[in-house]
N, C-alpha and C. Protein backbone atom coordinates (compact mmCIF):
# COMPACT_ATOMS: atom_id res chain seq x y z
N UNK A 1 1.04 -1.15 0.04
CA UNK A 1 -0.05 -0.19 0.00
C UNK A 1 0.88 1.23 0.24
N UNK A 2 0.50 2.15 -0.64
CA UNK A 2 1.47 3.17 -0.69
C UNK A 2 1.13 4.47 0.02
N UNK A 3 2.15 5.61 0.22
CA UNK A 3 1.65 6.48 1.39
C UNK A 3 0.62 7.07 1.23
N UNK A 4 0.37 7.40 -0.25
CA UNK A 4 -0.84 8.04 -0.66
C UNK A 4 -2.06 7.56 -0.35
N UNK A 5 -1.93 6.29 -0.64
CA UNK A 5 -3.44 5.82 -0.47
C UNK A 5 -3.93 5.44 1.36
N UNK A 6 -2.71 5.33 1.65
CA UNK A 6 -2.61 5.09 3.56
C UNK A 6 -3.34 6.45 3.79
N UNK A 7 -3.03 7.87 3.40
CA UNK A 7 -3.31 9.15 3.93
C UNK A 7 -4.57 9.13 3.52
N UNK A 8 -5.06 8.74 2.30
CA UNK A 8 -6.52 8.49 1.79
C UNK A 8 -7.27 8.29 2.50
N UNK A 9 -6.91 6.95 2.80
CA UNK A 9 -8.17 5.98 3.38
C UNK A 9 -8.64 6.19 4.83
N UNK A 10 -7.03 6.79 5.58
CA UNK A 10 -6.94 6.86 6.76
C UNK A 10 -8.04 8.19 6.67
N UNK A 11 -7.93 9.16 6.23
CA UNK A 11 -8.18 10.62 6.62
C UNK A 11 -10.24 10.25 6.11
N UNK A 12 -10.26 9.70 5.27
CA UNK A 12 -11.70 9.70 4.69
C UNK A 12 -12.20 8.60 5.68
N UNK A 13 -12.30 7.91 6.56
CA UNK A 13 -12.45 6.95 6.70
C UNK A 13 -12.85 7.89 8.72
N UNK A 14 -12.04 8.88 8.86
CA UNK A 14 -11.98 9.80 9.56
C UNK A 14 -11.24 8.91 11.53
N UNK A 15 -10.55 7.63 10.85
CA UNK A 15 -9.74 6.92 11.65
C UNK A 15 -8.49 7.71 12.27
N UNK A 16 -8.42 8.79 11.39
CA UNK A 16 -6.97 9.31 12.03
C UNK A 16 -6.97 10.86 11.82
N UNK A 17 -6.06 11.45 12.19
CA UNK A 17 -6.04 13.19 12.24
C UNK A 17 -4.87 13.44 11.52
N UNK A 18 -4.81 14.58 10.84
CA UNK A 18 -3.43 14.76 9.90
C UNK A 18 -3.00 15.82 11.15
N UNK A 19 -1.51 16.24 11.12
CA UNK A 19 -0.82 17.25 11.68
C UNK A 19 0.03 17.40 11.00
N UNK A 20 -0.58 19.06 10.08
CA UNK A 20 0.33 19.55 9.40
C UNK A 20 1.84 20.19 10.06
N UNK A 21 3.07 20.94 9.25
CA UNK A 21 3.93 20.94 9.81
C UNK A 21 4.97 19.88 10.44
N UNK A 22 4.40 18.82 10.06
CA UNK A 22 5.68 17.59 10.87
C UNK A 22 6.94 17.65 10.47
N UNK A 23 7.34 18.48 9.10
CA UNK A 23 8.44 18.36 8.52
C UNK A 23 8.72 18.41 7.35
N UNK A 24 10.45 19.03 6.59
CA UNK A 24 9.91 19.40 5.55
C UNK A 24 9.07 19.29 4.17
N UNK A 25 9.05 17.71 4.05
CA UNK A 25 8.07 17.50 3.06
C UNK A 25 7.28 16.27 3.51
N UNK A 26 6.88 16.56 4.62
CA UNK A 26 6.33 15.19 5.37
C UNK A 26 4.74 16.42 6.34
N UNK A 27 4.01 15.44 6.15
CA UNK A 27 2.58 15.60 7.25
C UNK A 27 3.01 14.22 7.73
N UNK A 28 2.39 14.60 9.21
CA UNK A 28 2.23 13.27 9.91
C UNK A 28 0.96 12.71 9.98
N UNK A 29 0.75 11.63 9.98
CA UNK A 29 -0.66 10.91 9.83
C UNK A 29 -0.70 9.99 11.60
N UNK A 30 -1.10 10.26 12.20
CA UNK A 30 -1.30 9.60 13.61
C UNK A 30 -2.59 8.27 13.21
N UNK A 31 -2.46 7.49 13.20
CA UNK A 31 -3.64 6.31 12.90
C UNK A 31 -4.97 6.27 14.24
N UNK A 32 -5.61 5.85 14.31
CA UNK A 32 -6.25 5.49 15.32
C UNK A 32 -6.08 5.10 16.59
N UNK A 33 -6.41 5.07 17.96
CA UNK A 33 -5.54 5.17 18.89
C UNK A 33 -5.15 3.77 19.51
N UNK A 34 -5.64 2.91 18.78
CA UNK A 34 -5.73 1.43 19.00
C UNK A 34 -4.47 1.41 18.97
N UNK A 35 -3.48 2.07 17.76
CA UNK A 35 -2.17 1.49 17.01
C UNK A 35 -1.20 2.39 18.00
N UNK A 36 -1.01 3.45 18.48
CA UNK A 36 -0.36 4.23 18.81
C UNK A 36 0.70 4.32 17.91
N UNK A 37 0.84 4.38 16.70
CA UNK A 37 2.19 4.66 16.02
C UNK A 37 1.74 5.82 15.09
N UNK A 38 2.49 6.27 14.72
CA UNK A 38 2.66 7.94 13.80
C UNK A 38 3.04 7.28 12.67
N UNK A 39 2.97 7.17 10.91
CA UNK A 39 3.52 6.92 9.77
C UNK A 39 3.70 8.36 9.26
N UNK A 40 4.29 9.15 9.05
CA UNK A 40 5.24 10.12 8.13
C UNK A 40 4.68 10.01 6.36
N UNK A 41 3.60 10.88 5.82
CA UNK A 41 3.13 10.81 4.96
C UNK A 41 4.03 11.84 4.08
N UNK A 42 4.66 11.65 2.57
CA UNK A 42 5.00 12.90 2.43
C UNK A 42 3.92 14.08 1.92
N UNK A 43 3.61 15.15 2.21
CA UNK A 43 3.65 16.37 2.16
C UNK A 43 2.86 15.88 0.36
N UNK A 44 3.51 15.68 -0.39
CA UNK A 44 3.56 16.12 -1.86
C UNK A 44 2.55 15.10 -2.27
N UNK A 45 2.13 13.73 -1.68
CA UNK A 45 1.74 12.79 -1.55
C UNK A 45 -0.20 13.15 -1.88
N UNK A 46 -0.41 14.30 -2.16
CA UNK A 46 -1.88 14.42 -2.15
C UNK A 46 -1.99 14.27 -3.81
N UNK A 47 -3.84 13.64 -4.08
CA UNK A 47 -3.58 13.26 -5.02
C UNK A 47 -3.47 14.31 -6.42
N UNK A 48 -3.25 14.22 -7.51
CA UNK A 48 -3.10 14.80 -8.40
C UNK A 48 -4.31 16.35 -8.74
N UNK A 49 -5.42 15.38 -8.65
CA UNK A 49 -6.63 16.18 -9.15
C UNK A 49 -7.48 17.11 -7.84
N UNK A 50 -6.74 17.47 -6.81
CA UNK A 50 -6.86 17.89 -5.80
C UNK A 50 -6.08 19.58 -6.00
N UNK A 51 -5.37 19.62 -6.92
CA UNK A 51 -4.87 21.00 -7.34
C UNK A 51 -2.84 21.07 -7.57
N UNK A 52 -2.61 22.16 -7.36
CA UNK A 52 -1.01 21.71 -8.12
C UNK A 52 -0.67 23.37 -7.25
N UNK A 53 0.79 23.32 -6.87
CA UNK A 53 1.11 24.19 -6.04
C UNK A 53 2.54 24.63 -6.81
N UNK A 54 2.69 25.85 -7.31
CA UNK A 54 4.12 26.01 -8.03
C UNK A 54 4.54 27.38 -7.05
N UNK A 55 5.97 27.58 -6.91
CA UNK A 55 6.45 28.20 -6.15
C UNK A 55 7.39 29.39 -6.83
N UNK A 56 7.07 30.59 -7.12
CA UNK A 56 7.94 31.24 -7.89
C UNK A 56 9.61 31.92 -7.48
N UNK A 57 10.26 31.70 -8.39
CA UNK A 57 11.57 32.00 -8.07
C UNK A 57 12.08 33.17 -6.99
N UNK A 58 11.14 34.22 -6.84
CA UNK A 58 11.87 35.33 -6.04
C UNK A 58 11.42 34.84 -4.47
N UNK A 59 10.15 34.44 -4.68
CA UNK A 59 10.06 32.99 -3.28
C UNK A 59 11.26 32.41 -2.63
N UNK A 60 11.33 31.83 -2.90
CA UNK A 60 12.53 31.45 -2.81
C UNK A 60 13.86 31.91 -2.82
N UNK A 61 13.95 33.07 -3.74
CA UNK A 61 15.13 33.59 -3.17
C UNK A 61 15.12 34.81 -1.75
N UNK A 62 13.92 34.99 -1.52
CA UNK A 62 13.88 35.77 -0.63
C UNK A 62 14.10 34.92 0.38
N UNK A 63 13.56 33.60 0.44
CA UNK A 63 13.89 32.40 1.58
C UNK A 63 15.38 32.84 1.64
N UNK A 64 16.06 32.34 0.99
CA UNK A 64 17.39 31.80 0.42
C UNK A 64 18.23 33.10 1.21
N UNK A 65 17.88 34.66 0.59
CA UNK A 65 18.66 35.70 0.95
C UNK A 65 18.32 35.83 2.56
N UNK A 66 17.48 35.91 3.26
CA UNK A 66 17.03 35.80 4.86
C UNK A 66 17.56 34.58 5.23
N UNK A 67 17.79 33.55 5.24
CA UNK A 67 18.46 32.42 5.74
C UNK A 67 19.87 32.83 5.68
N UNK A 68 20.15 33.64 4.77
CA UNK A 68 21.93 33.38 4.93
C UNK A 68 22.48 34.42 5.17
N UNK A 69 21.42 35.78 5.70
CA UNK A 69 21.59 36.82 6.30
C UNK A 69 21.72 36.21 7.85
N UNK A 70 20.99 35.30 8.54
CA UNK A 70 20.78 35.03 9.39
C UNK A 70 22.56 34.69 10.06
N UNK A 71 23.48 34.43 9.09
CA UNK A 71 24.56 33.60 9.86
C UNK A 71 25.46 34.65 10.00
N UNK A 72 25.94 34.80 11.05
CA UNK A 72 26.85 35.39 11.67
C UNK A 72 28.34 35.56 10.72
N UNK A 73 28.81 36.58 10.53
CA UNK A 73 30.17 36.50 9.37
C UNK A 73 29.57 36.96 8.32
N UNK A 74 28.21 36.90 8.05
CA UNK A 74 27.88 37.58 6.43
C UNK A 74 27.59 39.03 6.67
N UNK A 75 28.54 40.05 5.67
CA UNK A 75 28.33 41.41 5.95
C UNK A 75 27.53 41.79 5.09
N UNK A 76 27.58 41.22 3.79
CA UNK A 76 26.29 41.73 2.78
C UNK A 76 26.45 41.25 1.30
N UNK A 77 25.57 41.39 0.79
CA UNK A 77 25.33 40.13 -0.39
C UNK A 77 25.82 41.14 -1.96
N UNK A 78 25.90 39.90 -3.09
CA UNK A 78 26.28 41.05 -3.97
C UNK A 78 27.72 41.26 -4.31
N UNK A 79 27.80 41.26 -5.54
CA UNK A 79 29.60 41.87 -6.20
C UNK A 79 29.17 43.36 -6.00
N UNK A 80 30.47 44.51 -6.26
CA UNK A 80 30.77 45.62 -5.75
C UNK A 80 29.57 46.28 -6.99
N UNK A 81 29.33 46.04 -7.57
CA UNK A 81 28.43 46.92 -8.92
C UNK A 81 27.25 47.14 -7.90
N UNK A 82 26.83 45.25 -8.01
CA UNK A 82 25.25 45.47 -7.13
C UNK A 82 24.80 46.34 -6.30
N UNK A 83 26.09 45.54 -5.24
CA UNK A 83 26.07 46.74 -4.24
C UNK A 83 25.72 47.95 -4.24
N UNK A 84 26.87 48.94 -5.36
CA UNK A 84 27.08 50.33 -5.46
C UNK A 84 25.24 50.72 -6.11
N UNK A 85 24.87 49.90 -6.70
CA UNK A 85 23.62 50.25 -7.05
C UNK A 85 22.46 50.16 -6.09
N UNK A 86 22.42 49.03 -5.25
CA UNK A 86 21.65 48.96 -3.82
C UNK A 86 21.79 49.92 -3.06
N UNK A 87 22.75 50.41 -2.91
CA UNK A 87 23.09 51.71 -1.80
C UNK A 87 21.97 52.73 -3.20
N UNK A 88 22.34 53.24 -4.12
CA UNK A 88 21.45 54.12 -5.03
C UNK A 88 20.23 53.95 -4.56
N UNK A 89 19.66 52.85 -4.87
CA UNK A 89 17.66 52.46 -4.75
C UNK A 89 17.78 52.43 -3.02
N UNK A 90 18.35 52.12 -2.19
CA UNK A 90 18.31 52.17 -0.99
C UNK A 90 17.62 53.65 -0.63
N UNK A 91 18.41 54.64 -0.95
CA UNK A 91 18.59 56.15 -0.60
C UNK A 91 17.11 56.85 -1.76
N UNK A 92 16.27 56.60 -2.37
CA UNK A 92 15.42 56.84 -2.81
C UNK A 92 14.45 56.47 -2.26
N UNK A 93 13.61 57.97 -2.07
CA UNK A 93 12.45 57.79 -1.12
C UNK A 93 11.63 56.49 -1.70
N UNK A 94 11.28 56.13 -0.29
CA UNK A 94 10.26 54.72 -0.64
C UNK A 94 11.00 53.26 -1.01
N UNK A 95 12.16 53.71 -1.58
CA UNK A 95 13.08 52.31 -1.74
C UNK A 95 13.82 51.43 -0.55
N UNK A 96 13.65 50.06 -0.52
CA UNK A 96 13.80 49.32 0.35
C UNK A 96 14.93 48.84 0.18
N UNK A 97 15.69 47.98 1.28
CA UNK A 97 16.71 46.95 1.16
C UNK A 97 16.08 45.59 0.47
N UNK A 98 16.76 45.35 -0.61
CA UNK A 98 16.79 44.07 -1.23
C UNK A 98 17.08 42.58 -1.14
N UNK A 99 15.75 42.19 -0.11
CA UNK A 99 16.28 41.01 0.52
C UNK A 99 17.22 39.77 -0.84
N UNK A 100 16.79 40.14 -1.90
CA UNK A 100 17.11 39.27 -2.93
C UNK A 100 18.46 39.62 -3.16
N UNK A 101 19.18 40.80 -3.30
CA UNK A 101 20.15 40.76 -3.87
C UNK A 101 21.43 40.10 -4.04
N UNK A 102 22.47 39.57 -4.61
CA UNK A 102 23.25 38.44 -4.53
C UNK A 102 22.63 37.42 -4.68
N UNK A 103 21.23 36.92 -4.91
CA UNK A 103 21.06 35.65 -4.93
C UNK A 103 20.15 35.19 -5.91
N UNK A 104 20.55 34.49 -6.63
CA UNK A 104 20.06 34.02 -7.99
C UNK A 104 19.40 32.61 -7.68
N UNK A 105 18.23 32.30 -8.10
CA UNK A 105 17.74 30.96 -7.83
C UNK A 105 16.99 30.17 -9.37
N UNK A 106 16.87 29.12 -9.37
CA UNK A 106 16.48 28.16 -10.78
C UNK A 106 15.70 27.36 -9.31
N UNK A 107 13.77 27.55 -10.24
CA UNK A 107 13.26 26.54 -9.39
C UNK A 107 12.78 26.09 -10.72
N UNK A 108 12.43 24.11 -10.62
CA UNK A 108 11.76 23.18 -10.95
C UNK A 108 10.69 22.86 -10.25
N UNK A 109 9.76 22.19 -10.74
CA UNK A 109 9.03 21.45 -10.31
C UNK A 109 8.69 20.78 -8.73
N UNK A 110 10.15 20.19 -8.60
CA UNK A 110 10.43 19.65 -7.17
C UNK A 110 12.13 20.16 -6.88
N UNK A 111 12.87 20.50 -7.38
CA UNK A 111 14.13 21.03 -7.27
C UNK A 111 14.46 22.29 -7.55
N UNK A 112 14.97 22.79 -6.81
CA UNK A 112 15.78 24.19 -6.42
C UNK A 112 17.16 24.03 -6.84
N UNK A 113 17.86 24.75 -7.87
CA UNK A 113 19.64 25.23 -7.02
C UNK A 113 19.59 27.30 -6.50
N UNK A 114 20.19 27.33 -6.01
CA UNK A 114 20.90 28.26 -5.64
C UNK A 114 21.83 28.85 -6.18
N UNK A 115 22.20 30.11 -6.37
CA UNK A 115 23.90 30.71 -6.26
C UNK A 115 23.69 31.82 -5.05
N UNK A 116 24.60 32.36 -4.59
CA UNK A 116 24.67 33.43 -3.50
C UNK A 116 26.18 33.87 -3.96
N UNK A 117 25.84 35.08 -3.54
CA UNK A 117 27.30 36.04 -3.99
C UNK A 117 27.31 36.65 -2.58
N UNK A 118 28.29 36.63 -1.74
CA UNK A 118 28.41 37.28 -0.45
C UNK A 118 29.90 38.17 0.05
N UNK A 119 29.51 38.95 1.19
CA UNK A 119 30.63 39.53 1.52
C UNK A 119 31.14 39.10 3.03
N UNK A 120 31.52 39.15 3.13
CA UNK A 120 32.32 38.09 4.34
C UNK A 120 33.00 39.51 5.45
N UNK A 121 32.97 39.20 6.82
CA UNK A 121 33.67 39.79 7.69
C UNK A 121 34.77 39.11 7.82
N UNK A 122 36.05 40.42 8.07
CA UNK A 122 37.36 39.88 8.16
C UNK A 122 37.37 39.31 9.35
N UNK A 123 38.24 38.34 9.38
CA UNK A 123 38.19 37.33 10.62
C UNK A 123 37.84 35.41 10.18
N UNK A 124 36.66 36.10 10.00
CA UNK A 124 35.92 34.64 9.94
C UNK A 124 36.72 33.68 9.01
N UNK A 125 36.28 32.63 9.04
CA UNK A 125 37.30 31.21 8.69
C UNK A 125 36.02 30.82 7.41
N UNK A 126 36.50 30.86 6.12
CA UNK A 126 35.54 31.60 4.86
C UNK A 126 35.00 29.86 4.79
N UNK A 127 35.34 28.66 4.34
CA UNK A 127 34.52 27.50 4.42
C UNK A 127 34.23 27.25 5.46
N UNK A 128 34.47 27.69 7.02
CA UNK A 128 33.32 27.46 7.63
C UNK A 128 32.12 27.84 7.76
N UNK A 129 32.25 29.80 7.54
CA UNK A 129 30.66 30.31 7.14
C UNK A 129 30.10 29.58 5.73
N UNK A 130 30.81 29.48 4.41
CA UNK A 130 30.34 28.82 3.94
C UNK A 130 29.60 27.99 3.74
N UNK A 131 29.93 27.15 4.98
CA UNK A 131 28.99 25.80 5.17
C UNK A 131 27.54 25.63 5.90
N UNK A 132 28.09 26.70 7.01
CA UNK A 132 26.99 27.34 8.00
C UNK A 132 26.09 27.90 6.53
N UNK A 133 26.40 28.66 5.78
CA UNK A 133 25.00 29.53 5.51
C UNK A 133 24.50 28.36 4.19
N UNK A 134 25.43 27.50 3.33
CA UNK A 134 24.66 27.03 2.81
C UNK A 134 23.54 25.89 3.78
N UNK A 135 24.10 25.16 5.11
CA UNK A 135 23.24 24.43 5.75
C UNK A 135 21.72 25.01 6.17
N UNK A 136 22.11 26.52 6.24
CA UNK A 136 20.98 27.42 6.86
C UNK A 136 19.88 27.55 5.75
N UNK A 137 20.46 27.84 4.50
CA UNK A 137 19.92 28.22 3.33
C UNK A 137 19.35 26.82 2.98
N UNK A 138 19.78 26.14 2.81
CA UNK A 138 18.98 24.28 2.62
C UNK A 138 18.09 23.95 3.41
N UNK A 139 18.27 24.26 4.92
CA UNK A 139 17.54 24.04 5.70
C UNK A 139 15.93 24.48 5.35
N UNK A 140 16.41 25.81 5.89
CA UNK A 140 15.17 27.24 5.21
C UNK A 140 14.03 26.72 4.13
N UNK A 141 15.08 26.78 3.16
CA UNK A 141 14.46 26.65 1.87
C UNK A 141 13.15 25.17 2.08
N UNK A 142 14.24 24.15 2.05
CA UNK A 142 13.44 22.82 1.91
C UNK A 142 12.27 22.70 3.22
N UNK A 143 12.21 23.38 4.11
CA UNK A 143 11.61 23.32 5.35
C UNK A 143 10.30 23.86 4.54
N UNK A 144 10.28 25.35 3.96
CA UNK A 144 9.08 26.22 3.83
C UNK A 144 8.32 25.96 2.21
N UNK A 145 9.34 25.34 1.69
CA UNK A 145 8.78 25.42 0.20
C UNK A 145 8.40 23.69 -0.40
N UNK A 146 9.14 22.52 0.08
CA UNK A 146 9.35 21.01 0.52
C UNK A 146 10.26 20.95 -0.75
N UNK A 147 10.60 21.83 -1.59
CA UNK A 147 11.45 21.67 -2.56
C UNK A 147 13.16 20.83 -2.24
N UNK A 148 13.11 20.34 -3.16
CA UNK A 148 14.47 19.36 -2.71
C UNK A 148 15.65 20.67 -3.30
N UNK A 149 16.67 20.61 -2.78
CA UNK A 149 17.40 21.73 -2.96
C UNK A 149 19.00 21.41 -3.48
N UNK A 150 19.28 21.00 -4.47
CA UNK A 150 20.25 20.57 -5.51
C UNK A 150 21.55 20.58 -5.00
N UNK A 151 21.72 21.82 -4.99
CA UNK A 151 22.99 23.09 -4.58
C UNK A 151 22.97 24.39 -4.33
N UNK A 152 24.09 24.68 -3.52
CA UNK A 152 24.27 25.92 -3.29
C UNK A 152 25.01 26.13 -2.94
N UNK A 153 25.48 27.55 -4.38
CA UNK A 153 26.77 27.41 -5.02
C UNK A 153 27.06 29.09 -4.18
N UNK A 154 28.08 28.94 -3.44
CA UNK A 154 28.22 30.47 -2.69
C UNK A 154 29.74 30.94 -3.44
N UNK A 155 29.31 32.46 -3.86
CA UNK A 155 30.63 33.29 -4.31
C UNK A 155 31.01 34.17 -3.36
N UNK A 156 32.62 34.30 -2.57
CA UNK A 156 32.93 35.58 -1.82
C UNK A 156 33.38 36.49 -2.99
N UNK A 157 32.60 37.33 -2.80
CA UNK A 157 32.94 38.54 -4.09
C UNK A 157 33.76 39.58 -2.96
N UNK A 158 33.95 39.46 -1.89
CA UNK A 158 34.89 40.63 -0.99
C UNK A 158 35.00 40.01 0.47
N UNK A 159 35.56 41.23 1.21
CA UNK A 159 35.52 41.08 2.52
C UNK A 159 35.58 42.18 3.13
N UNK A 160 34.79 42.52 4.26
CA UNK A 160 34.99 43.75 4.86
C UNK A 160 35.48 43.70 6.18
N UNK A 161 36.04 44.69 5.78
CA UNK A 161 37.61 44.99 7.00
C UNK A 161 36.73 46.42 7.90
N UNK A 162 36.59 46.37 9.26
CA UNK A 162 36.25 47.37 9.99
C UNK A 162 37.02 48.82 9.49
N UNK A 163 35.92 49.43 9.63
CA UNK A 163 36.81 50.99 9.50
C UNK A 163 37.08 51.42 8.12
N UNK A 164 36.82 50.57 7.21
CA UNK A 164 37.35 50.62 5.80
C UNK A 164 35.91 50.50 4.83
N UNK A 165 35.12 51.48 5.73
CA UNK A 165 33.85 51.99 4.81
C UNK A 165 33.88 52.62 3.48
N UNK A 166 32.83 52.35 2.77
CA UNK A 166 32.70 52.81 1.48
C UNK A 166 32.78 54.05 1.39
N UNK A 167 33.37 54.97 0.41
CA UNK A 167 33.59 56.19 0.54
C UNK A 167 32.57 56.87 0.38
N UNK A 168 31.39 56.22 -0.02
CA UNK A 168 29.98 57.20 -0.22
C UNK A 168 28.99 57.42 1.11
N UNK A 169 29.60 56.56 2.04
CA UNK A 169 29.23 56.71 3.77
C UNK A 169 30.13 57.73 4.67
N UNK A 170 31.56 58.20 3.70
CA UNK A 170 32.33 59.29 4.25
C UNK A 170 31.86 60.63 3.96
N UNK A 171 31.25 61.08 3.14
CA UNK A 171 31.39 62.24 2.70
C UNK A 171 30.80 63.12 3.31
N UNK A 172 31.20 64.24 3.21
CA UNK A 172 31.21 65.79 4.34
C UNK A 172 29.58 66.15 4.29
N UNK A 173 29.05 66.13 4.95
CA UNK A 173 27.72 66.61 5.48
C UNK A 173 27.22 67.56 5.53
């Protein structure tokens, strides 16, 4: 018996209750009290005739950008040109910082690939930082979207040295 069949038959008879959000790609189904066991069923095992969910590239990009920003040691995102244009856009009235600056994604039906351009703080071990960023991004994207993250490529484009701020921020006012 397939996972989808277990879910459909259990829920249609009322012998089980669904507990959404039990994992990245799983909803758990708790069978009737007499068994006392819980069976994990893929969330994507919903019958095709009930509809389709698609997730746009910018959604995955925002999730990846926010997850990467949570890691200590990441100073900024994007290459120097991207950051310079971002500074100008941020200063325009009504402009907001872009969460997807330095983030590129490709989203398929069940998988996604993510490219990040980051600026790191001076003194951090770059390989360890890249590992932490990669793990945090994969965890967040898979948990929120149920898409399989096939790769997270990280390009370190610059290093931020404290006290060595951009010349645009040191202008006389």
